[in-house]
Amino acid sequence: FTLGFGNLGTYGFTSLPVLGALLVGLIGGILFARRQMKAAVPFLDLRVLKTKEYALSVFGSILLYLVLMGSSMLMPLYVQSILGKSATISGLVVLPGSLVSAFLSPIAGRIYDKVGIRILTIIGGSSLVLSNIGMFFIHIHTGIWMAVCLNILRCAATGCLLMPFVTWGNKNIPPELTAHGTALLTSLRTVAGAIGTAVFVGIMNTVARNSHTLTGSAALLHGMNVSFLVMTVASGLLLFTGLFLIKDSRTEVLIEVEN
């Protein structure tokens, strides 16, 4: 799957390097899943996905890593390839967001304990939507500080959600399946991050290459805008999950106590 998506920026979707690799990945994934479901001692017990809360945590983590890794790749390209700044400036642009994420990650568990995963997902999903749609409207004359602020907002959202999703998902599965749950979630979100990097850079290059009325930095900027628009859609799915699919047990217990 990663190879197929990685080839999107160079070949067409229906080409053998893209579609062929995706088909091989799909068939291999199906065969692997069938074998694990039938094995007496599975290498990776996929039955953990039957738990709704865990499945939602995996889905949310995948969306987070798609956006996180995709934006992590696009931001330096924006600063260096589009604005023509140095690698040092590129590092300084993404540094505040990284510091915010590093600060929030250790206390994300306490935030989760206080507000619950549903509220945290709604706030985080909303922040991701705002940060990504903001990058969609950036133009060549926009001050670089706007990109810095939007990246801080994006990193704050991901920093608050990454570990709580793991905690919330694993606490809803049987203790004997915790190791399988952790391994599956970590594996899928890592693959999602690699795919996100390939897909969003591929979208940027493809749009820039097919922008006949734009050239050079303007074409690349247009491609980046479209990539962040797609990230907005992914962030919207995360927000939708928090609004309509996640039922926070903590909130339900509080409601029952009040009643």
C-alpha atoms as a PDB file:
ATOM      1  CA  PHE A   1       0.000   0.000   0.000  1.00  0.00           C
ATOM      2  CA  THR A   2       2.757   2.436   0.925  1.00  0.00           C
ATOM      3  CA  LEU A   3       4.623   1.729  -2.310  1.00  0.00           C
ATOM      4  CA  GLY A   4       1.485   2.184  -4.398  1.00  0.00           C
ATOM      5  CA  PHE A   5       0.555   5.506  -2.808  1.00  0.00           C
ATOM      6  CA  GLY A   6       4.164   6.619  -2.977  1.00  0.00           C
ATOM      7  CA  ASN A   7       4.136   6.143  -6.751  1.00  0.00           C
ATOM      8  CA  LEU A   8       1.099   8.416  -7.182  1.00  0.00           C
ATOM      9  CA  GLY A   9       3.258  11.508  -7.626  1.00  0.00           C
ATOM     10  CA  THR A  10       5.162   9.940 -10.518  1.00  0.00           C
ATOM     11  CA  TYR A  11       2.685   7.638 -12.281  1.00  0.00           C
ATOM     12  CA  GLY A  12      -1.025   7.732 -13.014  1.00  0.00           C
ATOM     13  CA  PHE A  13      -3.450   5.953 -10.710  1.00  0.00           C
ATOM     14  CA  THR A  14      -4.259   3.267 -13.290  1.00  0.00           C
ATOM     15  CA  SER A  15      -0.577   2.533 -13.970  1.00  0.00           C
ATOM     16  CA  LEU A  16       1.000  -0.754 -12.887  1.00  0.00           C
ATOM     17  CA  PRO A  17       3.358   0.802 -10.283  1.00  0.00           C
ATOM     18  CA  VAL A  18       0.341   2.347  -8.515  1.00  0.00           C
ATOM     19  CA  LEU A  19      -2.716   0.189  -9.105  1.00  0.00           C
ATOM     20  CA  GLY A  20      -0.693  -3.027  -9.256  1.00  0.00           C
ATOM     21  CA  ALA A  21       1.016  -2.332  -5.923  1.00  0.00           C
ATOM     22  CA  LEU A  22      -2.311  -1.373  -4.302  1.00  0.00           C
ATOM     23  CA  LEU A  23      -3.939  -4.586  -5.531  1.00  0.00           C
ATOM     24  CA  VAL A  24      -1.066  -6.704  -4.226  1.00  0.00           C
ATOM     25  CA  GLY A  25      -1.320  -4.897  -0.890  1.00  0.00           C
ATOM     26  CA  LEU A  26      -5.092  -5.399  -0.764  1.00  0.00           C
ATOM     27  CA  ILE A  27      -4.911  -9.108  -1.604  1.00  0.00           C
ATOM     28  CA  GLY A  28      -2.048  -9.630   0.840  1.00  0.00           C
ATOM     29  CA  GLY A  29      -3.973  -7.816   3.576  1.00  0.00           C
ATOM     30  CA  ILE A  30      -7.096  -9.927   3.008  1.00  0.00           C
ATOM     31  CA  LEU A  31      -5.105 -13.183   3.077  1.00  0.00           C
ATOM     32  CA  PHE A  32      -3.278 -12.091   6.224  1.00  0.00           C
ATOM     33  CA  ALA A  33      -6.558 -11.149   7.962  1.00  0.00           C
ATOM     34  CA  ARG A  34      -8.217 -14.466   7.047  1.00  0.00           C
ATOM     35  CA  ARG A  35      -5.259 -16.441   8.339  1.00  0.00           C
ATOM     36  CA  GLN A  36      -5.178 -14.522  11.633  1.00  0.00           C
ATOM     37  CA  MET A  37      -8.919 -14.993  12.185  1.00  0.00           C
ATOM     38  CA  LYS A  38      -8.617 -18.762  11.708  1.00  0.00           C
ATOM     39  CA  ALA A  39      -5.335 -19.379  13.529  1.00  0.00           C
ATOM     40  CA  ALA A  40      -5.504 -20.969  16.984  1.00  0.00           C
ATOM     41  CA  VAL A  41      -2.665 -18.695  18.159  1.00  0.00           C
ATOM     42  CA  PRO A  42      -2.752 -15.678  15.838  1.00  0.00           C
ATOM     43  CA  PHE A  43       0.329 -13.604  15.212  1.00  0.00           C
ATOM     44  CA  LEU A  44      -1.895 -10.505  15.448  1.00  0.00           C
ATOM     45  CA  ASP A  45      -5.370 -11.054  16.876  1.00  0.00           C
ATOM     46  CA  LEU A  46      -7.680  -8.955  14.705  1.00  0.00           C
ATOM     47  CA  ARG A  47     -10.710  -9.783  16.849  1.00  0.00           C
ATOM     48  CA  VAL A  48      -9.902  -6.660  18.859  1.00  0.00           C
ATOM     49  CA  LEU A  49     -11.509  -4.701  16.012  1.00  0.00           C
ATOM     50  CA  LYS A  50     -14.885  -6.170  16.993  1.00  0.00           C
ATOM     51  CA  THR A  51     -14.883  -3.770  19.947  1.00  0.00           C
ATOM     52  CA  LYS A  52     -16.469  -0.557  18.700  1.00  0.00           C
ATOM     53  CA  GLU A  53     -14.503   1.778  20.945  1.00  0.00           C
ATOM     54  CA  TYR A  54     -11.204   0.213  19.964  1.00  0.00           C
ATOM     55  CA  ALA A  55     -12.082   0.306  16.251  1.00  0.00           C
ATOM     56  CA  LEU A  56     -12.925   4.011  16.571  1.00  0.00           C
ATOM     57  CA  SER A  57      -9.634   4.679  18.354  1.00  0.00           C
ATOM     58  CA  VAL A  58      -7.772   2.995  15.485  1.00  0.00           C
ATOM     59  CA  PHE A  59      -9.746   5.015  12.933  1.00  0.00           C
ATOM     60  CA  GLY A  60      -9.040   8.254  14.793  1.00  0.00           C
ATOM     61  CA  SER A  61      -5.325   7.447  15.143  1.00  0.00           C
ATOM     62  CA  ILE A  62      -5.070   6.705  11.425  1.00  0.00           C
ATOM     63  CA  LEU A  63      -6.645  10.065  10.547  1.00  0.00           C
ATOM     64  CA  LEU A  64      -4.365  11.855  13.004  1.00  0.00           C
ATOM     65  CA  TYR A  65      -1.223  10.314  11.563  1.00  0.00           C
ATOM     66  CA  LEU A  66      -2.351  11.036   8.001  1.00  0.00           C
ATOM     67  CA  VAL A  67      -2.639  14.725   8.837  1.00  0.00           C
ATOM     68  CA  LEU A  68       0.369  14.866  11.162  1.00  0.00           C
ATOM     69  CA  MET A  69       2.888  13.254   8.833  1.00  0.00           C
ATOM     70  CA  GLY A  70       1.460  14.870   5.711  1.00  0.00           C
ATOM     71  CA  SER A  71       1.696  18.365   7.195  1.00  0.00           C
ATOM     72  CA  SER A  72       5.150  17.610   8.646  1.00  0.00           C
ATOM     73  CA  MET A  73       6.364  16.986   5.111  1.00  0.00           C
ATOM     74  CA  LEU A  74       4.526  19.862   3.438  1.00  0.00           C
ATOM     75  CA  MET A  75       5.518  22.622   5.859  1.00  0.00           C
ATOM     76  CA  PRO A  76       9.273  22.467   5.071  1.00  0.00           C
ATOM     77  CA  LEU A  77       8.440  22.252   1.354  1.00  0.00           C
ATOM     78  CA  TYR A  78       6.287  25.362   1.698  1.00  0.00           C
ATOM     79  CA  VAL A  79       9.051  27.330   3.426  1.00  0.00           C
ATOM     80  CA  GLN A  80      11.962  26.180   1.259  1.00  0.00           C
ATOM     81  CA  SER A  81      10.547  25.340  -2.174  1.00  0.00           C
ATOM     82  CA  ILE A  82       7.747  27.926  -2.352  1.00  0.00           C
ATOM     83  CA  LEU A  83       8.968  30.837  -0.221  1.00  0.00           C
ATOM     84  CA  GLY A  84      12.631  30.211  -1.024  1.00  0.00           C
ATOM     85  CA  LYS A  85      13.767  30.394   2.600  1.00  0.00           C
ATOM     86  CA  SER A  86      16.688  28.487   4.086  1.00  0.00           C
ATOM     87  CA  ALA A  87      16.555  25.160   5.879  1.00  0.00           C
ATOM     88  CA  THR A  88      17.247  27.023   9.129  1.00  0.00           C
ATOM     89  CA  ILE A  89      14.137  29.176   8.670  1.00  0.00           C
ATOM     90  CA  SER A  90      12.188  26.030   7.803  1.00  0.00           C
ATOM     91  CA  GLY A  91      13.244  24.447  11.089  1.00  0.00           C
ATOM     92  CA  LEU A  92      12.324  27.575  13.039  1.00  0.00           C
ATOM     93  CA  VAL A  93       8.880  27.636  11.443  1.00  0.00           C
ATOM     94  CA  VAL A  94       7.975  24.128  12.622  1.00  0.00           C
ATOM     95  CA  LEU A  95       9.826  24.372  15.960  1.00  0.00           C
ATOM     96  CA  PRO A  96       7.044  26.141  17.963  1.00  0.00           C
ATOM     97  CA  GLY A  97       4.502  23.495  16.959  1.00  0.00           C
ATOM     98  CA  SER A  98       6.886  20.717  17.955  1.00  0.00           C
ATOM     99  CA  LEU A  99       7.487  22.359  21.334  1.00  0.00           C
ATOM    100  CA  VAL A 100       3.753  22.716  21.962  1.00  0.00           C
ATOM    101  CA  SER A 101       3.192  19.062  21.064  1.00  0.00           C
ATOM    102  CA  ALA A 102       6.077  17.984  23.321  1.00  0.00           C
ATOM    103  CA  PHE A 103       4.616  20.036  26.181  1.00  0.00           C
ATOM    104  CA  LEU A 104       1.071  18.720  25.770  1.00  0.00           C
ATOM    105  CA  SER A 105       1.845  15.036  25.210  1.00  0.00           C
ATOM    106  CA  PRO A 106       2.839  14.271  28.855  1.00  0.00           C
ATOM    107  CA  ILE A 107      -0.268  15.997  30.235  1.00  0.00           C
ATOM    108  CA  ALA A 108      -2.680  14.744  27.550  1.00  0.00           C
ATOM    109  CA  GLY A 109      -3.659  11.870  29.840  1.00  0.00           C
ATOM    110  CA  ARG A 110      -4.746  14.266  32.579  1.00  0.00           C
ATOM    111  CA  ILE A 111      -6.731  16.324  30.087  1.00  0.00           C
ATOM    112  CA  TYR A 112      -8.405  13.126  28.886  1.00  0.00           C
ATOM    113  CA  ASP A 113      -9.276  12.128  32.461  1.00  0.00           C
ATOM    114  CA  LYS A 114     -10.955  15.494  33.055  1.00  0.00           C
ATOM    115  CA  VAL A 115     -12.952  16.025  29.848  1.00  0.00           C
ATOM    116  CA  GLY A 116     -13.276  12.526  28.350  1.00  0.00           C
ATOM    117  CA  ILE A 117     -12.374  11.307  24.882  1.00  0.00           C
ATOM    118  CA  ARG A 118     -15.492  12.644  23.133  1.00  0.00           C
ATOM    119  CA  ILE A 119     -14.962  16.292  24.106  1.00  0.00           C
ATOM    120  CA  LEU A 120     -11.241  15.945  23.437  1.00  0.00           C
ATOM    121  CA  THR A 121     -11.931  14.549  19.959  1.00  0.00           C
ATOM    122  CA  ILE A 122     -14.399  17.331  19.144  1.00  0.00           C
ATOM    123  CA  ILE A 123     -11.974  20.057  20.254  1.00  0.00           C
ATOM    124  CA  GLY A 124      -9.014  18.396  18.542  1.00  0.00           C
ATOM    125  CA  GLY A 125     -10.960  17.702  15.346  1.00  0.00           C
ATOM    126  CA  SER A 126     -12.210  21.292  15.215  1.00  0.00           C
ATOM    127  CA  SER A 127      -8.667  22.605  15.707  1.00  0.00           C
ATOM    128  CA  LEU A 128      -7.371  20.400  12.899  1.00  0.00           C
ATOM    129  CA  VAL A 129     -10.135  21.563  10.562  1.00  0.00           C
ATOM    130  CA  LEU A 130      -9.371  25.226  11.294  1.00  0.00           C
ATOM    131  CA  SER A 131      -5.601  24.814  10.937  1.00  0.00           C
ATOM    132  CA  ASN A 132      -5.822  22.919   7.657  1.00  0.00           C
ATOM    133  CA  ILE A 133      -8.475  25.106   6.035  1.00  0.00           C
ATOM    134  CA  GLY A 134      -6.325  28.079   7.048  1.00  0.00           C
ATOM    135  CA  MET A 135      -3.411  26.640   5.058  1.00  0.00           C
ATOM    136  CA  PHE A 136      -5.754  26.223   2.080  1.00  0.00           C
ATOM    137  CA  PHE A 137      -6.278  30.001   1.950  1.00  0.00           C
ATOM    138  CA  ILE A 138      -2.607  30.917   2.284  1.00  0.00           C
ATOM    139  CA  HIS A 139      -1.230  32.764  -0.749  1.00  0.00           C
ATOM    140  CA  ILE A 140       2.234  33.816  -1.838  1.00  0.00           C
ATOM    141  CA  HIS A 141       2.047  37.150   0.015  1.00  0.00           C
ATOM    142  CA  THR A 142       0.764  35.732   3.311  1.00  0.00           C
ATOM    143  CA  GLY A 143       3.132  36.361   6.198  1.00  0.00           C
ATOM    144  CA  ILE A 144       5.103  33.337   7.333  1.00  0.00           C
ATOM    145  CA  TRP A 145       3.806  33.829  10.886  1.00  0.00           C
ATOM    146  CA  MET A 146       0.370  32.697   9.744  1.00  0.00           C
ATOM    147  CA  ALA A 147       1.807  29.298   8.804  1.00  0.00           C
ATOM    148  CA  VAL A 148       3.617  29.161  12.171  1.00  0.00           C
ATOM    149  CA  CYS A 149       0.402  29.829  14.119  1.00  0.00           C
ATOM    150  CA  LEU A 150      -1.626  27.322  12.102  1.00  0.00           C
ATOM    151  CA  ASN A 151       1.070  24.692  12.606  1.00  0.00           C
ATOM    152  CA  ILE A 152       1.010  25.320  16.375  1.00  0.00           C
ATOM    153  CA  LEU A 153      -2.754  24.775  16.403  1.00  0.00           C
ATOM    154  CA  ARG A 154      -2.384  21.557  14.386  1.00  0.00           C
ATOM    155  CA  CYS A 155       0.398  20.183  16.595  1.00  0.00           C
ATOM    156  CA  ALA A 156      -1.531  21.051  19.770  1.00  0.00           C
ATOM    157  CA  ALA A 157      -4.519  19.030  18.517  1.00  0.00           C
ATOM    158  CA  THR A 158      -2.449  15.991  17.601  1.00  0.00           C
ATOM    159  CA  GLY A 159      -0.444  16.177  20.837  1.00  0.00           C
ATOM    160  CA  CYS A 160      -3.641  16.101  22.874  1.00  0.00           C
ATOM    161  CA  LEU A 161      -5.185  13.183  20.981  1.00  0.00           C
ATOM    162  CA  LEU A 162      -2.468  10.673  20.091  1.00  0.00           C
ATOM    163  CA  MET A 163      -1.927   9.011  23.477  1.00  0.00           C
ATOM    164  CA  PRO A 164      -5.536   9.368  24.744  1.00  0.00           C
ATOM    165  CA  PHE A 165      -6.739   7.431  21.694  1.00  0.00           C
ATOM    166  CA  VAL A 166      -4.361   4.594  22.592  1.00  0.00           C
ATOM    167  CA  THR A 167      -5.481   4.624  26.240  1.00  0.00           C
ATOM    168  CA  TRP A 168      -9.190   4.813  25.439  1.00  0.00           C
ATOM    169  CA  GLY A 169      -9.019   2.088  22.795  1.00  0.00           C
ATOM    170  CA  ASN A 170      -7.031  -0.377  24.898  1.00  0.00           C
ATOM    171  CA  LYS A 171      -9.130   0.030  28.034  1.00  0.00           C
ATOM    172  CA  ASN A 172     -12.199  -1.240  26.184  1.00  0.00           C
ATOM    173  CA  ILE A 173     -10.702  -4.566  25.064  1.00  0.00           C
ATOM    174  CA  PRO A 174     -10.075  -7.689  27.195  1.00  0.00           C
ATOM    175  CA  PRO A 175      -6.770  -7.499  29.136  1.00  0.00           C
ATOM    176  CA  GLU A 176      -5.418 -10.595  27.374  1.00  0.00           C
ATOM    177  CA  LEU A 177      -5.721  -8.767  24.034  1.00  0.00           C
ATOM    178  CA  THR A 178      -3.979  -5.569  25.141  1.00  0.00           C
ATOM    179  CA  ALA A 179      -0.662  -6.509  23.523  1.00  0.00           C
ATOM    180  CA  HIS A 180      -2.411  -7.290  20.232  1.00  0.00           C
ATOM    181  CA  GLY A 181      -4.408  -4.061  20.449  1.00  0.00           C
ATOM    182  CA  THR A 182      -1.321  -1.933  21.043  1.00  0.00           C
ATOM    183  CA  ALA A 183       0.618  -3.643  18.255  1.00  0.00           C
ATOM    184  CA  LEU A 184      -2.217  -3.308  15.735  1.00  0.00           C
ATOM    185  CA  LEU A 185      -2.917   0.349  16.507  1.00  0.00           C
ATOM    186  CA  THR A 186       0.763   1.297  16.414  1.00  0.00           C
ATOM    187  CA  SER A 187       1.312  -0.569  13.147  1.00  0.00           C
ATOM    188  CA  LEU A 188      -1.704   0.857  11.351  1.00  0.00           C
ATOM    189  CA  ARG A 189      -1.080   4.457  12.362  1.00  0.00           C
ATOM    190  CA  THR A 190       2.587   4.176  11.334  1.00  0.00           C
ATOM    191  CA  VAL A 191       1.580   2.872   7.913  1.00  0.00           C
ATOM    192  CA  ALA A 192      -1.036   5.635   7.724  1.00  0.00           C
ATOM    193  CA  GLY A 193       1.658   8.216   8.406  1.00  0.00           C
ATOM    194  CA  ALA A 194       3.827   6.864   5.598  1.00  0.00           C
ATOM    195  CA  ILE A 195       0.836   6.800   3.238  1.00  0.00           C
ATOM    196  CA  GLY A 196      -0.163  10.320   4.279  1.00  0.00           C
ATOM    197  CA  THR A 197       3.296  11.647   3.453  1.00  0.00           C
ATOM    198  CA  ALA A 198       3.260   9.989   0.037  1.00  0.00           C
ATOM    199  CA  VAL A 199      -0.335  10.943  -0.799  1.00  0.00           C
ATOM    200  CA  PHE A 200      -0.192  14.615   0.152  1.00  0.00           C
ATOM    201  CA  VAL A 201       3.176  15.239  -1.485  1.00  0.00           C
ATOM    202  CA  GLY A 202       1.868  13.361  -4.534  1.00  0.00           C
ATOM    203  CA  ILE A 203      -1.260  15.541  -4.616  1.00  0.00           C
ATOM    204  CA  MET A 204       0.875  18.671  -4.344  1.00  0.00           C
ATOM    205  CA  ASN A 205       3.154  17.651  -7.221  1.00  0.00           C
ATOM    206  CA  THR A 206       0.319  16.386  -9.424  1.00  0.00           C
ATOM    207  CA  VAL A 207      -1.770  19.543  -9.013  1.00  0.00           C
ATOM    208  CA  ALA A 208       1.279  21.739  -9.582  1.00  0.00           C
ATOM    209  CA  ARG A 209       2.202  19.805 -12.720  1.00  0.00           C
ATOM    210  CA  ASN A 210      -1.329  20.065 -14.145  1.00  0.00           C
ATOM    211  CA  SER A 211      -1.811  23.757 -13.298  1.00  0.00           C
ATOM    212  CA  HIS A 212      -1.480  25.109 -16.834  1.00  0.00           C
ATOM    213  CA  THR A 213      -2.164  28.734 -15.861  1.00  0.00           C
ATOM    214  CA  LEU A 214       0.403  28.715 -13.036  1.00  0.00           C
ATOM    215  CA  THR A 215       4.116  28.094 -13.028  1.00  0.00           C
ATOM    216  CA  GLY A 216       6.961  27.780 -10.570  1.00  0.00           C
ATOM    217  CA  SER A 217       6.253  28.660  -6.952  1.00  0.00           C
ATOM    218  CA  ALA A 218       2.668  29.676  -7.704  1.00  0.00           C
ATOM    219  CA  ALA A 219       1.892  26.209  -9.087  1.00  0.00           C
ATOM    220  CA  LEU A 220       3.524  24.501  -6.102  1.00  0.00           C
ATOM    221  CA  LEU A 221       1.567  26.728  -3.723  1.00  0.00           C
ATOM    222  CA  HIS A 222      -1.668  25.810  -5.474  1.00  0.00           C
ATOM    223  CA  GLY A 223      -0.763  22.129  -5.093  1.00  0.00           C
ATOM    224  CA  MET A 224      -0.039  22.643  -1.400  1.00  0.00           C
ATOM    225  CA  ASN A 225      -3.387  24.425  -0.938  1.00  0.00           C
ATOM    226  CA  VAL A 226      -5.213  21.464  -2.467  1.00  0.00           C
ATOM    227  CA  SER A 227      -3.283  19.017  -0.265  1.00  0.00           C
ATOM    228  CA  PHE A 228      -4.330  20.898   2.857  1.00  0.00           C
ATOM    229  CA  LEU A 229      -7.905  20.960   1.584  1.00  0.00           C
ATOM    230  CA  VAL A 230      -7.817  17.145   1.471  1.00  0.00           C
ATOM    231  CA  MET A 231      -6.359  17.186   4.994  1.00  0.00           C
ATOM    232  CA  THR A 232      -9.340  19.315   6.007  1.00  0.00           C
ATOM    233  CA  VAL A 233     -11.641  16.550   4.782  1.00  0.00           C
ATOM    234  CA  ALA A 234      -9.704  13.974   6.836  1.00  0.00           C
ATOM    235  CA  SER A 235      -9.900  16.272   9.861  1.00  0.00           C
ATOM    236  CA  GLY A 236     -13.635  16.682   9.260  1.00  0.00           C
ATOM    237  CA  LEU A 237     -14.016  12.900   9.455  1.00  0.00           C
ATOM    238  CA  LEU A 238     -12.289  12.962  12.839  1.00  0.00           C
ATOM    239  CA  LEU A 239     -14.622  15.729  14.010  1.00  0.00           C
ATOM    240  CA  PHE A 240     -17.619  13.750  12.718  1.00  0.00           C
ATOM    241  CA  THR A 241     -16.391  10.727  14.685  1.00  0.00           C
ATOM    242  CA  GLY A 242     -16.277  12.745  17.882  1.00  0.00           C
ATOM    243  CA  LEU A 243     -19.673  14.333  17.322  1.00  0.00           C
ATOM    244  CA  PHE A 244     -21.712  11.305  16.258  1.00  0.00           C
ATOM    245  CA  LEU A 245     -19.856   8.018  16.788  1.00  0.00           C
ATOM    246  CA  ILE A 246     -18.011   8.270  20.098  1.00  0.00           C
ATOM    247  CA  LYS A 247     -20.108   7.850  23.212  1.00  0.00           C
ATOM    248  CA  ASP A 248     -18.028   8.864  26.189  1.00  0.00           C
ATOM    249  CA  SER A 249     -18.671   6.427  29.032  1.00  0.00           C
ATOM    250  CA  ARG A 250     -17.518   9.044  31.525  1.00  0.00           C
ATOM    251  CA  THR A 251     -20.171  11.489  30.326  1.00  0.00           C
ATOM    252  CA  GLU A 252     -22.836   8.786  30.395  1.00  0.00           C
ATOM    253  CA  VAL A 253     -21.944   7.881  34.000  1.00  0.00           C
ATOM    254  CA  LEU A 254     -22.202  11.549  35.048  1.00  0.00           C
ATOM    255  CA  ILE A 255     -25.615  11.846  33.390  1.00  0.00           C
ATOM    256  CA  GLU A 256     -26.836   8.713  35.175  1.00  0.00           C
ATOM    257  CA  VAL A 257     -25.600  10.060  38.528  1.00  0.00           C
ATOM    258  CA  GLU A 258     -27.370  13.392  37.962  1.00  0.00           C
ATOM    259  CA  ASN A 259     -30.597  11.618  37.035  1.00  0.00           C
END
